[in-house]
Amino acid sequence: MAPVIRITMYVVALLIGIALIVSGIATGKHGATVIGLVCAAASIRQWIKWNKHRDGTNKDRTSR
């Protein structure tokens, strides 16, 4: 996948997660807050993993 598309997808997922967190807090619906946290955390984790892989410093045990 092209790097620009990958970064765009991560940013969109992160923004959706942040929007769910904020709207869940504002409306008092805790389910939206939890889903937003999961979405944002998954996006950030994938972004960090991709950056490590791109830099050649991937020391993840699963990539043997």
PDB file of N, CA and C in Angstrom:
ATOM      1  N   MET A   1       0.848  -1.167   0.000  1.00  0.00           N
ATOM      2  CA  MET A   1       0.000   0.000   0.000  1.00  0.00           C
ATOM      3  C   MET A   1       0.897   1.235   0.000  1.00  0.00           C
ATOM      4  N   ALA A   2       0.484   2.242  -0.703  1.00  0.00           N
ATOM      5  CA  ALA A   2       1.262   3.481  -0.797  1.00  0.00           C
ATOM      6  C   ALA A   2       1.337   4.167   0.572  1.00  0.00           C
ATOM      7  N   PRO A   3       2.487   4.716   0.894  1.00  0.00           N
ATOM      8  CA  PRO A   3       2.654   5.357   2.208  1.00  0.00           C
ATOM      9  C   PRO A   3       1.654   6.484   2.471  1.00  0.00           C
ATOM     10  N   VAL A   4       1.309   7.250   1.453  1.00  0.00           N
ATOM     11  CA  VAL A   4       0.370   8.363   1.648  1.00  0.00           C
ATOM     12  C   VAL A   4      -1.008   7.819   2.028  1.00  0.00           C
ATOM     13  N   ILE A   5      -1.430   6.755   1.369  1.00  0.00           N
ATOM     14  CA  ILE A   5      -2.734   6.163   1.674  1.00  0.00           C
ATOM     15  C   ILE A   5      -2.724   5.565   3.071  1.00  0.00           C
ATOM     16  N   ARG A   6      -1.630   4.898   3.425  1.00  0.00           N
ATOM     17  CA  ARG A   6      -1.524   4.271   4.750  1.00  0.00           C
ATOM     18  C   ARG A   6      -1.591   5.330   5.853  1.00  0.00           C
ATOM     19  N   ILE A   7      -0.843   6.405   5.703  1.00  0.00           N
ATOM     20  CA  ILE A   7      -0.859   7.471   6.703  1.00  0.00           C
ATOM     21  C   ILE A   7      -2.237   8.108   6.786  1.00  0.00           C
ATOM     22  N   THR A   8      -2.883   8.310   5.638  1.00  0.00           N
ATOM     23  CA  THR A   8      -4.233   8.882   5.624  1.00  0.00           C
ATOM     24  C   THR A   8      -5.208   7.992   6.370  1.00  0.00           C
ATOM     25  N   MET A   9      -5.109   6.681   6.168  1.00  0.00           N
ATOM     26  CA  MET A   9      -6.001   5.753   6.864  1.00  0.00           C
ATOM     27  C   MET A   9      -5.782   5.800   8.374  1.00  0.00           C
ATOM     28  N   TYR A  10      -4.518   5.871   8.813  1.00  0.00           N
ATOM     29  CA  TYR A  10      -4.237   5.947  10.238  1.00  0.00           C
ATOM     30  C   TYR A  10      -4.783   7.231  10.847  1.00  0.00           C
ATOM     31  N   VAL A  11      -4.614   8.338  10.133  1.00  0.00           N
ATOM     32  CA  VAL A  11      -5.099   9.623  10.639  1.00  0.00           C
ATOM     33  C   VAL A  11      -6.622   9.634  10.707  1.00  0.00           C
ATOM     34  N   VAL A  12      -7.280   9.093   9.683  1.00  0.00           N
ATOM     35  CA  VAL A  12      -8.750   9.044   9.688  1.00  0.00           C
ATOM     36  C   VAL A  12      -9.247   8.175  10.840  1.00  0.00           C
ATOM     37  N   ALA A  13      -8.634   7.019  11.048  1.00  0.00           N
ATOM     38  CA  ALA A  13      -9.038   6.149  12.159  1.00  0.00           C
ATOM     39  C   ALA A  13      -8.801   6.835  13.498  1.00  0.00           C
ATOM     40  N   LEU A  14      -7.692   7.551  13.621  1.00  0.00           N
ATOM     41  CA  LEU A  14      -7.411   8.274  14.859  1.00  0.00           C
ATOM     42  C   LEU A  14      -8.443   9.374  15.096  1.00  0.00           C
ATOM     43  N   LEU A  15      -8.785  10.119  14.057  1.00  0.00           N
ATOM     44  CA  LEU A  15      -9.778  11.190  14.199  1.00  0.00           C
ATOM     45  C   LEU A  15     -11.159  10.641  14.535  1.00  0.00           C
ATOM     46  N   ILE A  16     -11.524   9.515  13.943  1.00  0.00           N
ATOM     47  CA  ILE A  16     -12.806   8.885  14.287  1.00  0.00           C
ATOM     48  C   ILE A  16     -12.799   8.470  15.751  1.00  0.00           C
ATOM     49  N   GLY A  17     -11.690   7.897  16.201  1.00  0.00           N
ATOM     50  CA  GLY A  17     -11.583   7.507  17.606  1.00  0.00           C
ATOM     51  C   GLY A  17     -11.699   8.691  18.543  1.00  0.00           C
ATOM     52  N   ILE A  18     -11.017   9.773  18.221  1.00  0.00           N
ATOM     53  CA  ILE A  18     -11.087  10.983  19.060  1.00  0.00           C
ATOM     54  C   ILE A  18     -12.494  11.563  19.051  1.00  0.00           C
ATOM     55  N   ALA A  19     -13.144  11.564  17.881  1.00  0.00           N
ATOM     56  CA  ALA A  19     -14.515  12.076  17.797  1.00  0.00           C
ATOM     57  C   ALA A  19     -15.464  11.227  18.645  1.00  0.00           C
ATOM     58  N   LEU A  20     -15.283   9.912  18.629  1.00  0.00           N
ATOM     59  CA  LEU A  20     -16.122   9.042  19.460  1.00  0.00           C
ATOM     60  C   LEU A  20     -15.875   9.276  20.944  1.00  0.00           C
ATOM     61  N   ILE A  21     -14.629   9.482  21.311  1.00  0.00           N
ATOM     62  CA  ILE A  21     -14.313   9.748  22.718  1.00  0.00           C
ATOM     63  C   ILE A  21     -14.993  11.038  23.176  1.00  0.00           C
ATOM     64  N   VAL A  22     -14.827  12.095  22.398  1.00  0.00           N
ATOM     65  CA  VAL A  22     -15.394  13.396  22.776  1.00  0.00           C
ATOM     66  C   VAL A  22     -16.921  13.340  22.799  1.00  0.00           C
ATOM     67  N   SER A  23     -17.510  12.746  21.760  1.00  0.00           N
ATOM     68  CA  SER A  23     -18.977  12.686  21.726  1.00  0.00           C
ATOM     69  C   SER A  23     -19.526  11.771  22.808  1.00  0.00           C
ATOM     70  N   GLY A  24     -18.817  10.703  23.123  1.00  0.00           N
ATOM     71  CA  GLY A  24     -19.261   9.820  24.204  1.00  0.00           C
ATOM     72  C   GLY A  24     -19.234  10.503  25.550  1.00  0.00           C
ATOM     73  N   ILE A  25     -18.213  11.314  25.781  1.00  0.00           N
ATOM     74  CA  ILE A  25     -18.131  12.058  27.037  1.00  0.00           C
ATOM     75  C   ILE A  25     -19.210  13.135  27.086  1.00  0.00           C
ATOM     76  N   ALA A  26     -19.406  13.835  25.968  1.00  0.00           N
ATOM     77  CA  ALA A  26     -20.372  14.933  25.939  1.00  0.00           C
ATOM     78  C   ALA A  26     -21.801  14.443  26.120  1.00  0.00           C
ATOM     79  N   THR A  27     -22.138  13.297  25.551  1.00  0.00           N
ATOM     80  CA  THR A  27     -23.510  12.795  25.633  1.00  0.00           C
ATOM     81  C   THR A  27     -23.724  11.836  26.791  1.00  0.00           C
ATOM     82  N   GLY A  28     -22.650  11.421  27.442  1.00  0.00           N
ATOM     83  CA  GLY A  28     -22.777  10.503  28.570  1.00  0.00           C
ATOM     84  C   GLY A  28     -22.962   9.065  28.154  1.00  0.00           C
ATOM     85  N   LYS A  29     -22.634   8.738  26.912  1.00  0.00           N
ATOM     86  CA  LYS A  29     -22.743   7.359  26.430  1.00  0.00           C
ATOM     87  C   LYS A  29     -21.353   6.724  26.495  1.00  0.00           C
ATOM     88  N   HIS A  30     -21.173   5.900  27.486  1.00  0.00           N
ATOM     89  CA  HIS A  30     -19.848   5.360  27.755  1.00  0.00           C
ATOM     90  C   HIS A  30     -19.411   4.334  26.716  1.00  0.00           C
ATOM     91  N   GLY A  31     -20.346   3.719  26.023  1.00  0.00           N
ATOM     92  CA  GLY A  31     -19.996   2.766  24.971  1.00  0.00           C
ATOM     93  C   GLY A  31     -19.232   3.437  23.842  1.00  0.00           C
ATOM     94  N   ALA A  32     -19.645   4.624  23.467  1.00  0.00           N
ATOM     95  CA  ALA A  32     -18.952   5.368  22.410  1.00  0.00           C
ATOM     96  C   ALA A  32     -17.546   5.754  22.862  1.00  0.00           C
ATOM     97  N   THR A  33     -17.405   6.065  24.136  1.00  0.00           N
ATOM     98  CA  THR A  33     -16.084   6.421  24.660  1.00  0.00           C
ATOM     99  C   THR A  33     -15.138   5.224  24.600  1.00  0.00           C
ATOM    100  N   VAL A  34     -15.634   4.057  24.994  1.00  0.00           N
ATOM    101  CA  VAL A  34     -14.805   2.851  24.983  1.00  0.00           C
ATOM    102  C   VAL A  34     -14.420   2.472  23.556  1.00  0.00           C
ATOM    103  N   ILE A  35     -15.372   2.507  22.651  1.00  0.00           N
ATOM    104  CA  ILE A  35     -15.074   2.181  21.254  1.00  0.00           C
ATOM    105  C   ILE A  35     -14.095   3.189  20.664  1.00  0.00           C
ATOM    106  N   GLY A  36     -14.231   4.455  21.011  1.00  0.00           N
ATOM    107  CA  GLY A  36     -13.302   5.480  20.554  1.00  0.00           C
ATOM    108  C   GLY A  36     -11.897   5.241  21.068  1.00  0.00           C
ATOM    109  N   LEU A  37     -11.768   4.833  22.330  1.00  0.00           N
ATOM    110  CA  LEU A  37     -10.452   4.521  22.883  1.00  0.00           C
ATOM    111  C   LEU A  37      -9.807   3.351  22.157  1.00  0.00           C
ATOM    112  N   VAL A  38     -10.591   2.320  21.880  1.00  0.00           N
ATOM    113  CA  VAL A  38     -10.071   1.153  21.170  1.00  0.00           C
ATOM    114  C   VAL A  38      -9.635   1.540  19.761  1.00  0.00           C
ATOM    115  N   CYS A  39     -10.451   2.315  19.077  1.00  0.00           N
ATOM    116  CA  CYS A  39     -10.151   2.734  17.713  1.00  0.00           C
ATOM    117  C   CYS A  39      -8.890   3.594  17.670  1.00  0.00           C
ATOM    118  N   ALA A  40      -8.782   4.544  18.558  1.00  0.00           N
ATOM    119  CA  ALA A  40      -7.609   5.422  18.596  1.00  0.00           C
ATOM    120  C   ALA A  40      -6.352   4.637  18.974  1.00  0.00           C
ATOM    121  N   ALA A  41      -6.467   3.742  19.937  1.00  0.00           N
ATOM    122  CA  ALA A  41      -5.305   2.958  20.358  1.00  0.00           C
ATOM    123  C   ALA A  41      -4.818   2.040  19.244  1.00  0.00           C
ATOM    124  N   ALA A  42      -5.741   1.410  18.536  1.00  0.00           N
ATOM    125  CA  ALA A  42      -5.351   0.536  17.433  1.00  0.00           C
ATOM    126  C   ALA A  42      -4.675   1.322  16.319  1.00  0.00           C
ATOM    127  N   SER A  43      -5.177   2.499  16.032  1.00  0.00           N
ATOM    128  CA  SER A  43      -4.586   3.334  14.996  1.00  0.00           C
ATOM    129  C   SER A  43      -3.176   3.768  15.370  1.00  0.00           C
ATOM    130  N   ILE A  44      -2.994   4.191  16.600  1.00  0.00           N
ATOM    131  CA  ILE A  44      -1.680   4.633  17.047  1.00  0.00           C
ATOM    132  C   ILE A  44      -0.697   3.465  17.067  1.00  0.00           C
ATOM    133  N   ARG A  45      -1.165   2.296  17.508  1.00  0.00           N
ATOM    134  CA  ARG A  45      -0.283   1.125  17.533  1.00  0.00           C
ATOM    135  C   ARG A  45       0.188   0.755  16.136  1.00  0.00           C
ATOM    136  N   GLN A  46      -0.726   0.756  15.176  1.00  0.00           N
ATOM    137  CA  GLN A  46      -0.345   0.421  13.807  1.00  0.00           C
ATOM    138  C   GLN A  46       0.585   1.469  13.218  1.00  0.00           C
ATOM    139  N   TRP A  47       0.364   2.724  13.537  1.00  0.00           N
ATOM    140  CA  TRP A  47       1.220   3.801  13.042  1.00  0.00           C
ATOM    141  C   TRP A  47       2.653   3.627  13.575  1.00  0.00           C
ATOM    142  N   ILE A  48       2.767   3.354  14.878  1.00  0.00           N
ATOM    143  CA  ILE A  48       4.085   3.151  15.485  1.00  0.00           C
ATOM    144  C   ILE A  48       4.769   1.930  14.877  1.00  0.00           C
ATOM    145  N   LYS A  49       4.020   0.850  14.710  1.00  0.00           N
ATOM    146  CA  LYS A  49       4.592  -0.369  14.135  1.00  0.00           C
ATOM    147  C   LYS A  49       5.058  -0.121  12.706  1.00  0.00           C
ATOM    148  N   TRP A  50       4.282   0.623  11.927  1.00  0.00           N
ATOM    149  CA  TRP A  50       4.662   0.911  10.551  1.00  0.00           C
ATOM    150  C   TRP A  50       5.910   1.793  10.505  1.00  0.00           C
ATOM    151  N   ASN A  51       5.988   2.782  11.398  1.00  0.00           N
ATOM    152  CA  ASN A  51       7.159   3.655  11.437  1.00  0.00           C
ATOM    153  C   ASN A  51       8.423   2.881  11.815  1.00  0.00           C
ATOM    154  N   LYS A  52       8.316   1.949  12.760  1.00  0.00           N
ATOM    155  CA  LYS A  52       9.467   1.128  13.122  1.00  0.00           C
ATOM    156  C   LYS A  52       9.888   0.252  11.954  1.00  0.00           C
ATOM    157  N   HIS A  53       8.916  -0.317  11.276  1.00  0.00           N
ATOM    158  CA  HIS A  53       9.213  -1.181  10.132  1.00  0.00           C
ATOM    159  C   HIS A  53       9.851  -0.380   9.004  1.00  0.00           C
ATOM    160  N   ARG A  54       9.356   0.814   8.780  1.00  0.00           N
ATOM    161  CA  ARG A  54       9.876   1.673   7.718  1.00  0.00           C
ATOM    162  C   ARG A  54      11.306   2.103   8.021  1.00  0.00           C
ATOM    163  N   ASP A  55      11.598   2.367   9.291  1.00  0.00           N
ATOM    164  CA  ASP A  55      12.937   2.792   9.688  1.00  0.00           C
ATOM    165  C   ASP A  55      13.919   1.628   9.776  1.00  0.00           C
ATOM    166  N   GLY A  56      13.413   0.413   9.733  1.00  0.00           N
ATOM    167  CA  GLY A  56      14.275  -0.753   9.844  1.00  0.00           C
ATOM    168  C   GLY A  56      14.638  -1.109  11.267  1.00  0.00           C
ATOM    169  N   THR A  57      13.904  -0.600  12.238  1.00  0.00           N
ATOM    170  CA  THR A  57      14.177  -0.881  13.646  1.00  0.00           C
ATOM    171  C   THR A  57      13.087  -1.729  14.263  1.00  0.00           C
ATOM    172  N   ASN A  58      12.460  -2.587  13.475  1.00  0.00           N
ATOM    173  CA  ASN A  58      11.378  -3.427  13.981  1.00  0.00           C
ATOM    174  C   ASN A  58      11.961  -4.554  14.812  1.00  0.00           C
ATOM    175  N   LYS A  59      11.782  -4.495  16.115  1.00  0.00           N
ATOM    176  CA  LYS A  59      12.291  -5.503  17.001  1.00  0.00           C
ATOM    177  C   LYS A  59      11.151  -6.320  17.606  1.00  0.00           C
ATOM    178  N   ASP A  60      10.076  -6.421  16.878  1.00  0.00           N
ATOM    179  CA  ASP A  60       8.912  -7.166  17.338  1.00  0.00           C
ATOM    180  C   ASP A  60       9.216  -8.652  17.286  1.00  0.00           C
ATOM    181  N   ARG A  61       8.849  -9.389  18.320  1.00  0.00           N
ATOM    182  CA  ARG A  61       9.143 -10.818  18.379  1.00  0.00           C
ATOM    183  C   ARG A  61       8.369 -11.632  17.362  1.00  0.00           C
ATOM    184  N   THR A  62       7.245 -11.124  16.919  1.00  0.00           N
ATOM    185  CA  THR A  62       6.411 -11.892  15.989  1.00  0.00           C
ATOM    186  C   THR A  62       6.948 -11.859  14.565  1.00  0.00           C
ATOM    187  N   SER A  63       7.904 -11.015  14.271  1.00  0.00           N
ATOM    188  CA  SER A  63       8.410 -10.896  12.896  1.00  0.00           C
ATOM    189  C   SER A  63       9.751 -11.613  12.751  1.00  0.00           C
ATOM    190  N   ARG A  64       9.739 -12.890  13.016  1.00  0.00           N
ATOM    191  CA  ARG A  64      10.978 -13.673  12.938  1.00  0.00           C
ATOM    192  C   ARG A  64      11.288 -14.070  11.541  1.00  0.00           C
TER     193      ARG A  64
END
